[in-house]
Amino acid sequence: MSIRVDPEENEIRALFLLAGIKGHEILEVGCGDGRLSWRMARQAARLLAIDPFEPSILRARSQLPRDLKPTVEFRHASFQAFAAACPGSSFDTLILSWSLC
């Protein structure tokens, strides 16, 4: 049996209303398996999604729709490691989804 999380898509609808991400460059911290990433990527200019749990990143990469591959990048990294490695990075929007920072 397959379980769908948020089948009515209330979570992503609320995110779009609150964050206004259309055309933005987004950093998503705690992306998990990319459940929200590809939905946001359809409106974003670019989305970089990071998560410290490598199996989730591998799943996210494998489930990413082909048409979004130029827009989305998944990286296995904690926020601390990412911030240390990319101190000059700039994004329009930061999304902390399912993250315990």
N, C-alpha and C. Protein backbone atom coordinates (compact mmCIF):
# COMPACT_ATOMS: atom_id res chain seq x y z
N MET A 1 0.83 -1.18 0.00
CA MET A 1 0.00 0.00 0.00
C MET A 1 0.88 1.24 0.00
N SER A 2 0.58 2.15 -0.88
CA SER A 2 1.32 3.40 -0.99
C SER A 2 0.64 4.49 -0.16
N ILE A 3 1.42 5.27 0.55
CA ILE A 3 0.89 6.36 1.35
C ILE A 3 1.26 7.68 0.69
N ARG A 4 0.28 8.52 0.43
CA ARG A 4 0.54 9.84 -0.14
C ARG A 4 0.49 10.88 0.96
N VAL A 5 1.52 11.67 1.05
CA VAL A 5 1.56 12.75 2.02
C VAL A 5 0.97 14.00 1.37
N ASP A 6 -0.01 14.58 2.01
CA ASP A 6 -0.65 15.81 1.54
C ASP A 6 -1.24 15.66 0.13
N PRO A 7 -2.15 14.70 -0.07
CA PRO A 7 -2.72 14.49 -1.41
C PRO A 7 -3.48 15.70 -1.95
N GLU A 8 -3.97 16.56 -1.05
CA GLU A 8 -4.69 17.76 -1.49
C GLU A 8 -3.75 18.91 -1.86
N GLU A 9 -2.45 18.71 -1.60
CA GLU A 9 -1.40 19.69 -1.87
C GLU A 9 -1.60 21.02 -1.13
N ASN A 10 -2.13 20.94 0.08
CA ASN A 10 -2.30 22.13 0.91
C ASN A 10 -0.96 22.72 1.32
N GLU A 11 0.00 21.85 1.60
CA GLU A 11 1.32 22.31 2.04
C GLU A 11 2.01 23.15 0.97
N ILE A 12 2.03 22.66 -0.25
CA ILE A 12 2.72 23.40 -1.31
C ILE A 12 1.95 24.66 -1.68
N ARG A 13 0.63 24.61 -1.64
CA ARG A 13 -0.19 25.79 -1.93
C ARG A 13 0.10 26.89 -0.90
N ALA A 14 0.17 26.52 0.38
CA ALA A 14 0.50 27.49 1.43
C ALA A 14 1.89 28.06 1.24
N LEU A 15 2.83 27.21 0.85
CA LEU A 15 4.19 27.66 0.61
C LEU A 15 4.24 28.70 -0.52
N PHE A 16 3.53 28.44 -1.61
CA PHE A 16 3.49 29.39 -2.72
C PHE A 16 2.87 30.72 -2.29
N LEU A 17 1.83 30.66 -1.48
CA LEU A 17 1.18 31.89 -1.01
C LEU A 17 2.09 32.69 -0.09
N LEU A 18 2.79 32.01 0.80
CA LEU A 18 3.62 32.69 1.80
C LEU A 18 4.97 33.13 1.27
N ALA A 19 5.57 32.33 0.44
CA ALA A 19 6.95 32.60 0.02
C ALA A 19 7.06 33.35 -1.30
N GLY A 20 6.08 33.26 -2.18
CA GLY A 20 6.17 33.96 -3.46
C GLY A 20 7.45 33.62 -4.20
N ILE A 21 7.63 32.38 -4.59
CA ILE A 21 8.92 31.91 -5.13
C ILE A 21 9.06 31.99 -6.64
N LYS A 22 8.07 32.45 -7.33
CA LYS A 22 8.11 32.46 -8.80
C LYS A 22 9.33 33.24 -9.31
N GLY A 23 10.16 32.56 -10.09
CA GLY A 23 11.36 33.17 -10.66
C GLY A 23 12.52 33.34 -9.71
N HIS A 24 12.40 32.84 -8.49
CA HIS A 24 13.46 33.00 -7.48
C HIS A 24 14.52 31.92 -7.58
N GLU A 25 15.70 32.26 -7.06
CA GLU A 25 16.75 31.28 -6.83
C GLU A 25 16.57 30.83 -5.38
N ILE A 26 16.35 29.53 -5.20
CA ILE A 26 15.95 29.00 -3.90
C ILE A 26 17.00 28.04 -3.35
N LEU A 27 17.26 28.18 -2.05
CA LEU A 27 18.03 27.19 -1.31
C LEU A 27 17.04 26.48 -0.40
N GLU A 28 16.90 25.18 -0.57
CA GLU A 28 16.03 24.38 0.28
C GLU A 28 16.90 23.55 1.21
N VAL A 29 16.78 23.80 2.50
CA VAL A 29 17.56 23.10 3.51
C VAL A 29 16.68 22.02 4.13
N GLY A 30 17.16 20.78 4.10
CA GLY A 30 16.38 19.68 4.63
C GLY A 30 15.37 19.18 3.63
N CYS A 31 15.81 18.96 2.40
CA CYS A 31 14.90 18.59 1.31
C CYS A 31 14.40 17.15 1.39
N GLY A 32 15.08 16.32 2.17
CA GLY A 32 14.66 14.92 2.25
C GLY A 32 14.69 14.26 0.89
N ASP A 33 13.60 13.58 0.54
CA ASP A 33 13.56 12.86 -0.74
C ASP A 33 13.08 13.73 -1.89
N GLY A 34 13.00 15.04 -1.68
CA GLY A 34 12.63 15.96 -2.75
C GLY A 34 11.14 16.13 -2.95
N ARG A 35 10.36 15.68 -1.99
CA ARG A 35 8.91 15.70 -2.10
C ARG A 35 8.36 17.09 -2.46
N LEU A 36 8.93 18.13 -1.87
CA LEU A 36 8.49 19.49 -2.19
C LEU A 36 9.38 20.15 -3.25
N SER A 37 10.59 19.68 -3.38
CA SER A 37 11.58 20.31 -4.26
C SER A 37 11.09 20.46 -5.69
N TRP A 38 10.67 19.36 -6.28
CA TRP A 38 10.29 19.44 -7.69
C TRP A 38 9.04 20.27 -7.88
N ARG A 39 8.17 20.36 -6.88
CA ARG A 39 6.99 21.22 -7.00
C ARG A 39 7.40 22.69 -6.99
N MET A 40 8.35 23.04 -6.11
CA MET A 40 8.84 24.41 -6.08
C MET A 40 9.61 24.74 -7.35
N ALA A 41 10.35 23.77 -7.84
CA ALA A 41 11.21 23.99 -9.01
C ALA A 41 10.41 24.38 -10.25
N ARG A 42 9.16 23.98 -10.32
CA ARG A 42 8.33 24.34 -11.48
C ARG A 42 8.09 25.84 -11.55
N GLN A 43 8.24 26.54 -10.44
CA GLN A 43 8.05 28.00 -10.43
C GLN A 43 9.36 28.76 -10.26
N ALA A 44 10.39 28.09 -9.79
CA ALA A 44 11.65 28.76 -9.49
C ALA A 44 12.54 28.91 -10.72
N ALA A 45 13.44 29.87 -10.64
CA ALA A 45 14.47 30.01 -11.68
C ALA A 45 15.52 28.92 -11.48
N ARG A 46 15.82 28.63 -10.21
CA ARG A 46 16.84 27.63 -9.86
C ARG A 46 16.57 27.17 -8.44
N LEU A 47 16.80 25.89 -8.18
CA LEU A 47 16.61 25.36 -6.84
C LEU A 47 17.79 24.48 -6.48
N LEU A 48 18.45 24.82 -5.38
CA LEU A 48 19.51 23.99 -4.83
C LEU A 48 18.96 23.41 -3.54
N ALA A 49 18.89 22.09 -3.46
CA ALA A 49 18.31 21.40 -2.31
C ALA A 49 19.39 20.58 -1.63
N ILE A 50 19.51 20.77 -0.31
CA ILE A 50 20.54 20.05 0.44
C ILE A 50 19.89 19.26 1.58
N ASP A 51 20.56 18.16 1.93
CA ASP A 51 20.11 17.34 3.05
C ASP A 51 21.30 16.53 3.54
N PRO A 52 21.44 16.36 4.86
CA PRO A 52 22.58 15.60 5.37
C PRO A 52 22.41 14.09 5.28
N PHE A 53 21.22 13.61 4.94
CA PHE A 53 20.96 12.18 4.89
C PHE A 53 21.09 11.69 3.45
N GLU A 54 22.22 11.06 3.14
CA GLU A 54 22.53 10.69 1.76
C GLU A 54 21.48 9.81 1.08
N PRO A 55 20.90 8.81 1.75
CA PRO A 55 19.87 8.01 1.07
C PRO A 55 18.69 8.85 0.56
N SER A 56 18.34 9.88 1.29
CA SER A 56 17.27 10.76 0.82
C SER A 56 17.67 11.53 -0.43
N ILE A 57 18.89 12.02 -0.46
CA ILE A 57 19.38 12.75 -1.64
C ILE A 57 19.41 11.83 -2.86
N LEU A 58 19.86 10.60 -2.67
CA LEU A 58 19.89 9.65 -3.78
C LEU A 58 18.48 9.37 -4.30
N ARG A 59 17.52 9.24 -3.40
CA ARG A 59 16.12 9.03 -3.80
C ARG A 59 15.59 10.26 -4.53
N ALA A 60 15.90 11.44 -4.02
CA ALA A 60 15.44 12.68 -4.65
C ALA A 60 15.97 12.79 -6.08
N ARG A 61 17.24 12.51 -6.26
CA ARG A 61 17.82 12.56 -7.61
C ARG A 61 17.15 11.56 -8.55
N SER A 62 16.86 10.38 -8.04
CA SER A 62 16.27 9.35 -8.90
C SER A 62 14.82 9.65 -9.26
N GLN A 63 14.13 10.43 -8.44
CA GLN A 63 12.72 10.73 -8.68
C GLN A 63 12.49 12.06 -9.39
N LEU A 64 13.55 12.80 -9.62
CA LEU A 64 13.42 14.12 -10.24
C LEU A 64 12.95 14.00 -11.69
N PRO A 65 11.85 14.67 -12.03
CA PRO A 65 11.40 14.63 -13.43
C PRO A 65 12.48 15.17 -14.37
N ARG A 66 12.63 14.53 -15.50
CA ARG A 66 13.67 14.88 -16.48
C ARG A 66 13.64 16.35 -16.88
N ASP A 67 12.45 16.92 -17.04
CA ASP A 67 12.36 18.31 -17.49
C ASP A 67 12.85 19.31 -16.45
N LEU A 68 13.02 18.88 -15.20
CA LEU A 68 13.49 19.79 -14.15
C LEU A 68 14.99 19.67 -13.87
N LYS A 69 15.65 18.74 -14.52
CA LYS A 69 17.08 18.53 -14.25
C LYS A 69 17.93 19.78 -14.48
N PRO A 70 17.62 20.64 -15.48
CA PRO A 70 18.44 21.85 -15.63
C PRO A 70 18.22 22.88 -14.51
N THR A 71 17.10 22.78 -13.80
CA THR A 71 16.73 23.77 -12.78
C THR A 71 17.11 23.36 -11.37
N VAL A 72 17.17 22.05 -11.11
CA VAL A 72 17.32 21.53 -9.74
C VAL A 72 18.66 20.83 -9.55
N GLU A 73 19.27 21.09 -8.40
CA GLU A 73 20.47 20.37 -8.00
C GLU A 73 20.28 19.87 -6.57
N PHE A 74 20.50 18.58 -6.36
CA PHE A 74 20.45 18.00 -5.02
C PHE A 74 21.87 17.74 -4.56
N ARG A 75 22.17 18.19 -3.32
CA ARG A 75 23.51 17.98 -2.75
C ARG A 75 23.40 17.31 -1.39
N HIS A 76 24.27 16.35 -1.17
CA HIS A 76 24.37 15.72 0.14
C HIS A 76 25.25 16.60 1.00
N ALA A 77 24.63 17.38 1.91
CA ALA A 77 25.39 18.28 2.77
C ALA A 77 24.49 18.77 3.90
N SER A 78 25.11 18.98 5.05
CA SER A 78 24.40 19.66 6.13
C SER A 78 24.44 21.16 5.82
N PHE A 79 23.60 21.92 6.49
CA PHE A 79 23.63 23.37 6.26
C PHE A 79 24.98 23.94 6.67
N GLN A 80 25.51 23.46 7.79
CA GLN A 80 26.81 23.97 8.26
C GLN A 80 27.91 23.71 7.24
N ALA A 81 27.94 22.51 6.68
CA ALA A 81 28.95 22.17 5.68
C ALA A 81 28.76 23.00 4.42
N PHE A 82 27.51 23.16 4.00
CA PHE A 82 27.24 23.95 2.80
C PHE A 82 27.68 25.40 3.01
N ALA A 83 27.31 25.99 4.15
CA ALA A 83 27.66 27.39 4.43
C ALA A 83 29.17 27.59 4.48
N ALA A 84 29.88 26.62 5.03
CA ALA A 84 31.34 26.72 5.12
C ALA A 84 31.99 26.60 3.74
N ALA A 85 31.43 25.76 2.89
CA ALA A 85 32.01 25.52 1.56
C ALA A 85 31.62 26.58 0.54
N CYS A 86 30.52 27.27 0.77
CA CYS A 86 29.99 28.24 -0.21
C CYS A 86 29.66 29.56 0.47
N PRO A 87 30.65 30.23 1.07
CA PRO A 87 30.35 31.44 1.85
C PRO A 87 29.79 32.60 1.04
N GLY A 88 30.04 32.65 -0.25
CA GLY A 88 29.57 33.76 -1.06
C GLY A 88 28.26 33.47 -1.78
N SER A 89 27.61 32.35 -1.48
CA SER A 89 26.38 32.00 -2.18
C SER A 89 25.26 32.98 -1.86
N SER A 90 24.43 33.20 -2.85
CA SER A 90 23.33 34.15 -2.70
C SER A 90 22.05 33.52 -3.27
N PHE A 91 20.96 33.64 -2.53
CA PHE A 91 19.67 33.11 -2.94
C PHE A 91 18.59 34.13 -2.64
N ASP A 92 17.50 34.08 -3.39
CA ASP A 92 16.37 34.97 -3.13
C ASP A 92 15.53 34.47 -1.96
N THR A 93 15.43 33.14 -1.85
CA THR A 93 14.54 32.53 -0.87
C THR A 93 15.23 31.33 -0.23
N LEU A 94 15.07 31.22 1.08
CA LEU A 94 15.56 30.07 1.83
C LEU A 94 14.35 29.34 2.39
N ILE A 95 14.25 28.05 2.08
CA ILE A 95 13.15 27.23 2.57
C ILE A 95 13.73 26.18 3.52
N LEU A 96 13.22 26.14 4.73
CA LEU A 96 13.61 25.13 5.70
C LEU A 96 12.47 24.13 5.80
N SER A 97 12.52 23.13 4.94
CA SER A 97 11.44 22.15 4.94
C SER A 97 11.90 20.88 5.60
N TRP A 98 11.17 20.45 6.57
CA TRP A 98 11.46 19.23 7.31
C TRP A 98 12.88 19.25 7.88
N SER A 99 13.30 20.39 8.35
CA SER A 99 14.68 20.48 8.79
C SER A 99 14.78 20.78 10.27
N LEU A 100 15.78 20.19 10.87
CA LEU A 100 16.06 20.41 12.29
C LEU A 100 17.41 21.09 12.39
N CYS A 101 17.43 22.38 12.21
CA CYS A 101 18.70 23.13 12.26
C CYS A 101 18.99 23.61 13.65
